[in-house]
């Protein structure tokens, strides 16, 4: 009898261990939030170093003046080391729970103008029809519902106030850019937290802007698998510019 109880105890312990392992495995595969990290200057600087070389001289303030064009040849979209723009929003999924949805596209074009110690103009267009996330079902929903990118294919940002640059050459920039963001055919004033760095003839600019979906007339595309989508999202970007 004692041996049977011992055997039963061992079997129960093994069963509990199996359940714990299985539970961790389910969390790892289905529940963990493995969304790509937010846009940050450190990641963009790694691309600058690989492109220009660690020994590249900081840009001479006198040579910064002029027009800088968006450059999609720097880095790669496959690992998000190049130019991209997109969204980040929290959602509740029926089978998973809380999740961070991130969609990005490398189809970015535009330019910025620098005069003296100021960025005086920025005009950027983003092709929303090529936004890609980790879910083809989500991407399809965004084309027909939500962003409705089939109907409103382009998002734009236009700077409305100059951004002052630091006095010292080679310093990275942390600033707030004031402009107008157009999404879903609706234009709203926005303030964008930006960081930038320059190496040779290449500049990296990263930033985020909070957006409220309702302000742009966007109805979250919920459904059977998507229970809810947070009304507050983020427009984020990492853009490389090359001196014209």
Protein backbone atom coordinates (compact mmCIF):
# COMPACT_ATOMS: atom_id res chain seq x y z
CA UNK A 1 0.00 0.00 0.00
CA UNK A 2 2.83 2.41 0.92
CA UNK A 3 4.57 1.64 -2.34
CA UNK A 4 1.38 2.34 -4.28
CA UNK A 5 0.94 5.68 -2.53
CA UNK A 6 4.54 6.56 -3.31
CA UNK A 7 4.04 5.62 -6.94
CA UNK A 8 0.86 7.67 -7.11
CA UNK A 9 2.69 10.63 -5.54
CA UNK A 10 5.49 10.39 -8.10
CA UNK A 11 3.01 10.16 -10.95
CA UNK A 12 1.11 13.19 -9.64
CA UNK A 13 4.34 15.15 -9.40
CA UNK A 14 5.26 14.23 -12.95
CA UNK A 15 1.79 15.23 -14.14
CA UNK A 16 2.09 18.63 -12.47
CA UNK A 17 5.53 19.13 -14.02
CA UNK A 18 4.17 18.26 -17.46
CA UNK A 19 1.32 20.72 -17.03
CA UNK A 20 3.72 23.47 -15.99
CA UNK A 21 5.97 22.81 -18.98
CA UNK A 22 2.99 22.64 -21.32
CA UNK A 23 1.63 25.88 -19.89
CA UNK A 24 4.95 27.63 -20.39
CA UNK A 25 5.14 26.25 -23.92
CA UNK A 26 1.68 27.56 -24.71
CA UNK A 27 2.60 30.99 -23.34
CA UNK A 28 5.83 31.01 -25.35
CA UNK A 29 4.15 30.05 -28.60
CA UNK A 30 0.77 31.71 -28.36
CA UNK A 31 0.64 34.38 -25.67
CA UNK A 32 4.04 36.09 -25.37
CA UNK A 33 4.16 39.50 -27.01
CA UNK A 34 7.06 39.38 -29.46
CA UNK A 35 6.27 42.57 -31.37
CA UNK A 36 9.33 44.34 -32.83
CA UNK A 37 10.79 47.03 -30.62
CA UNK A 38 9.72 50.63 -31.05
CA UNK A 39 11.67 52.98 -33.28
CA UNK A 40 14.82 54.11 -31.47
CA UNK A 41 17.94 56.00 -32.43
CA UNK A 42 20.37 53.34 -31.18
CA UNK A 43 19.11 50.86 -33.79
CA UNK A 44 19.27 53.47 -36.55
CA UNK A 45 22.82 54.40 -35.51
CA UNK A 46 23.90 50.79 -35.98
CA UNK A 47 22.75 51.05 -39.58
CA UNK A 48 24.60 54.37 -39.97
CA UNK A 49 27.78 52.76 -38.66
CA UNK A 50 27.44 49.82 -41.05
CA UNK A 51 26.73 52.15 -43.97
CA UNK A 52 29.27 54.89 -43.33
CA UNK A 53 31.82 53.04 -41.20
CA UNK A 54 32.63 53.67 -37.55
CA UNK A 55 35.34 56.15 -38.54
CA UNK A 56 33.04 58.36 -40.61
CA UNK A 57 33.42 62.04 -39.71
CA UNK A 58 30.38 63.85 -38.31
CA UNK A 59 28.67 66.08 -40.80
CA UNK A 60 30.12 69.58 -41.15
CA UNK A 61 27.38 72.08 -40.23
CA UNK A 62 28.15 74.02 -43.41
CA UNK A 63 27.53 70.93 -45.54
CA UNK A 64 24.20 70.09 -43.93
CA UNK A 65 22.36 72.95 -45.62
CA UNK A 66 20.17 71.92 -48.52
CA UNK A 67 17.71 69.23 -49.47
CA UNK A 68 17.82 65.68 -48.08
CA UNK A 69 15.81 62.96 -49.80
CA UNK A 70 14.35 59.80 -48.26
CA UNK A 71 16.69 56.91 -49.05
CA UNK A 72 15.20 53.40 -49.07
CA UNK A 73 18.49 51.78 -50.13
CA UNK A 74 20.07 52.17 -46.68
CA UNK A 75 19.76 49.08 -44.50
CA UNK A 76 17.08 46.46 -45.05
CA UNK A 77 13.36 46.23 -44.36
CA UNK A 78 13.68 42.50 -43.66
CA UNK A 79 15.25 43.20 -40.25
CA UNK A 80 13.84 46.73 -39.93
CA UNK A 81 17.32 48.24 -40.17
CA UNK A 82 16.33 50.45 -43.12
CA UNK A 83 13.66 53.04 -43.83
CA UNK A 84 10.13 52.19 -42.70
CA UNK A 85 6.98 53.70 -41.22
CA UNK A 86 3.95 52.15 -39.61
CA UNK A 87 1.63 51.73 -36.67
CA UNK A 88 1.68 50.18 -33.19
CA UNK A 89 -1.54 49.46 -31.31
CA UNK A 90 -2.72 47.18 -28.49
CA UNK A 91 -5.41 44.60 -29.19
CA UNK A 92 -7.28 41.82 -27.42
CA UNK A 93 -7.41 38.52 -29.30
CA UNK A 94 -9.93 35.78 -28.55
CA UNK A 95 -7.40 32.95 -28.33
CA UNK A 96 -4.38 34.85 -27.02
CA UNK A 97 -5.39 37.84 -24.94
CA UNK A 98 -3.42 41.07 -24.94
CA UNK A 99 -1.19 41.60 -27.96
CA UNK A 100 0.72 44.44 -29.60
CA UNK A 101 -0.05 44.75 -33.31
CA UNK A 102 2.71 46.30 -35.39
CA UNK A 103 2.48 46.98 -39.12
CA UNK A 104 5.24 48.55 -41.20
CA UNK A 105 6.07 49.42 -44.80
CA UNK A 106 9.33 50.42 -46.51
CA UNK A 107 7.43 52.42 -49.13
CA UNK A 108 8.30 55.87 -47.84
CA UNK A 109 9.20 58.90 -49.96
CA UNK A 110 9.80 62.59 -49.42
CA UNK A 111 12.40 65.11 -48.37
CA UNK A 112 13.55 67.54 -45.69
CA UNK A 113 15.23 70.92 -46.06
CA UNK A 114 17.92 72.28 -43.75
CA UNK A 115 18.84 75.96 -43.61
CA UNK A 116 21.41 77.19 -41.11
CA UNK A 117 20.62 75.67 -37.74
CA UNK A 118 17.05 74.69 -38.57
CA UNK A 119 15.11 72.01 -40.38
CA UNK A 120 12.70 74.24 -42.23
CA UNK A 121 10.65 71.72 -44.18
CA UNK A 122 9.74 68.04 -44.07
CA UNK A 123 7.31 66.35 -46.43
CA UNK A 124 6.93 62.58 -46.19
CA UNK A 125 4.50 60.21 -47.93
CA UNK A 126 3.83 56.64 -46.76
CA UNK A 127 2.17 53.99 -48.92
CA UNK A 128 -0.26 52.30 -46.53
CA UNK A 129 -1.32 49.61 -49.02
CA UNK A 130 1.96 47.76 -48.42
CA UNK A 131 1.78 47.74 -44.62
CA UNK A 132 2.78 44.31 -43.35
CA UNK A 133 2.39 42.80 -39.90
CA UNK A 134 2.80 39.27 -38.57
CA UNK A 135 -0.77 38.48 -39.62
CA UNK A 136 -2.02 38.39 -43.17
CA UNK A 137 -5.58 38.41 -41.81
CA UNK A 138 -4.89 41.67 -39.98
CA UNK A 139 -3.28 43.19 -43.08
CA UNK A 140 -6.31 42.31 -45.19
CA UNK A 141 -8.64 43.84 -42.60
CA UNK A 142 -6.60 47.05 -42.66
CA UNK A 143 -7.00 47.32 -46.42
CA UNK A 144 -10.78 46.96 -46.42
CA UNK A 145 -11.64 48.20 -42.93
CA UNK A 146 -9.80 50.12 -40.22
CA UNK A 147 -7.27 52.19 -42.12
CA UNK A 148 -9.13 51.35 -45.34
CA UNK A 149 -5.86 51.72 -47.21
CA UNK A 150 -7.44 50.56 -50.48
CA UNK A 151 -9.56 53.73 -50.32
CA UNK A 152 -7.02 55.97 -48.52
CA UNK A 153 -3.66 54.61 -49.71
CA UNK A 154 -1.37 57.41 -48.54
CA UNK A 155 -0.43 58.88 -45.18
CA UNK A 156 1.47 62.16 -45.17
CA UNK A 157 3.39 64.26 -42.69
CA UNK A 158 4.20 67.93 -43.28
CA UNK A 159 6.31 70.00 -40.91
CA UNK A 160 4.60 73.26 -39.94
CA UNK A 161 7.23 74.77 -37.61
CA UNK A 162 11.06 74.75 -37.96
CA UNK A 163 13.10 72.37 -35.79
CA UNK A 164 16.26 73.85 -34.29
CA UNK A 165 19.48 71.85 -34.68
CA UNK A 166 22.24 71.68 -32.03
CA UNK A 167 25.21 74.02 -32.38
CA UNK A 168 27.89 71.33 -32.14
CA UNK A 169 28.61 69.19 -35.19
CA UNK A 170 28.10 65.49 -34.68
CA UNK A 171 25.61 65.84 -31.83
CA UNK A 172 22.52 63.68 -32.04
CA UNK A 173 19.24 65.58 -31.98
CA UNK A 174 16.29 65.15 -29.66
CA UNK A 175 13.41 67.43 -30.49
CA UNK A 176 9.68 67.81 -30.94
CA UNK A 177 8.50 68.33 -34.50
CA UNK A 178 5.18 70.09 -35.00
CA UNK A 179 3.27 69.28 -38.16
CA UNK A 180 0.18 67.89 -39.82
CA UNK A 181 -0.48 64.17 -40.17
CA UNK A 182 -2.97 62.90 -42.72
CA UNK A 183 -4.37 59.40 -42.31
CA UNK A 184 -7.63 57.93 -43.60
CA UNK A 185 -8.24 61.14 -45.54
CA UNK A 186 -8.25 63.21 -42.34
CA UNK A 187 -5.58 65.79 -41.43
CA UNK A 188 -4.81 66.55 -37.80
CA UNK A 189 -2.09 68.63 -36.08
CA UNK A 190 0.49 66.45 -34.34
CA UNK A 191 3.63 66.77 -32.26
CA UNK A 192 6.21 64.11 -33.02
CA UNK A 193 9.02 63.17 -30.64
CA UNK A 194 12.03 62.75 -32.92
CA UNK A 195 15.67 61.79 -32.62
CA UNK A 196 18.22 62.14 -35.39
CA UNK A 197 21.87 61.62 -36.16
CA UNK A 198 24.06 62.36 -39.18
CA UNK A 199 27.02 60.44 -40.52
CA UNK A 200 28.62 61.79 -43.67
CA UNK A 201 25.90 62.38 -46.23
CA UNK A 202 23.33 60.16 -44.50
CA UNK A 203 20.92 61.17 -41.75
CA UNK A 204 18.79 58.87 -39.62
CA UNK A 205 15.53 60.19 -38.16
CA UNK A 206 13.32 58.15 -35.84
CA UNK A 207 10.15 59.16 -34.06
CA UNK A 208 6.73 58.40 -32.65
CA UNK A 209 3.46 60.28 -32.58
CA UNK A 210 0.45 59.21 -30.50
CA UNK A 211 -2.78 59.02 -32.48
CA UNK A 212 -6.39 58.55 -31.46
CA UNK A 213 -8.14 56.40 -34.06
CA UNK A 214 -11.43 58.25 -33.72
CA UNK A 215 -9.75 61.57 -34.51
CA UNK A 216 -9.04 60.20 -37.99
CA UNK A 217 -12.44 58.57 -38.47
CA UNK A 218 -10.91 55.10 -38.12
CA UNK A 219 -13.21 52.38 -36.81
CA UNK A 220 -11.17 49.53 -35.28
CA UNK A 221 -11.63 46.38 -37.42
CA UNK A 222 -12.77 43.98 -34.69
CA UNK A 223 -14.31 40.60 -35.39
CA UNK A 224 -14.53 36.98 -34.28
CA UNK A 225 -10.82 36.68 -33.44
CA UNK A 226 -10.14 40.34 -32.55
CA UNK A 227 -12.23 41.26 -29.51
CA UNK A 228 -11.08 44.85 -29.18
CA UNK A 229 -8.48 47.34 -30.39
CA UNK A 230 -7.23 50.20 -28.25
CA UNK A 231 -8.46 53.61 -29.41
CA UNK A 232 -4.97 55.01 -28.74
CA UNK A 233 -2.20 53.95 -31.09
CA UNK A 234 1.19 55.15 -32.25
CA UNK A 235 2.48 56.25 -35.63
CA UNK A 236 6.19 55.42 -35.69
CA UNK A 237 8.99 55.61 -38.21
CA UNK A 238 12.67 55.17 -38.94
CA UNK A 239 13.71 57.12 -42.01
CA UNK A 240 17.12 57.57 -43.64
CA UNK A 241 17.79 60.67 -45.70
CA UNK A 242 20.65 61.24 -48.12
CA UNK A 243 21.94 64.70 -49.04
CA UNK A 244 20.79 65.65 -52.52
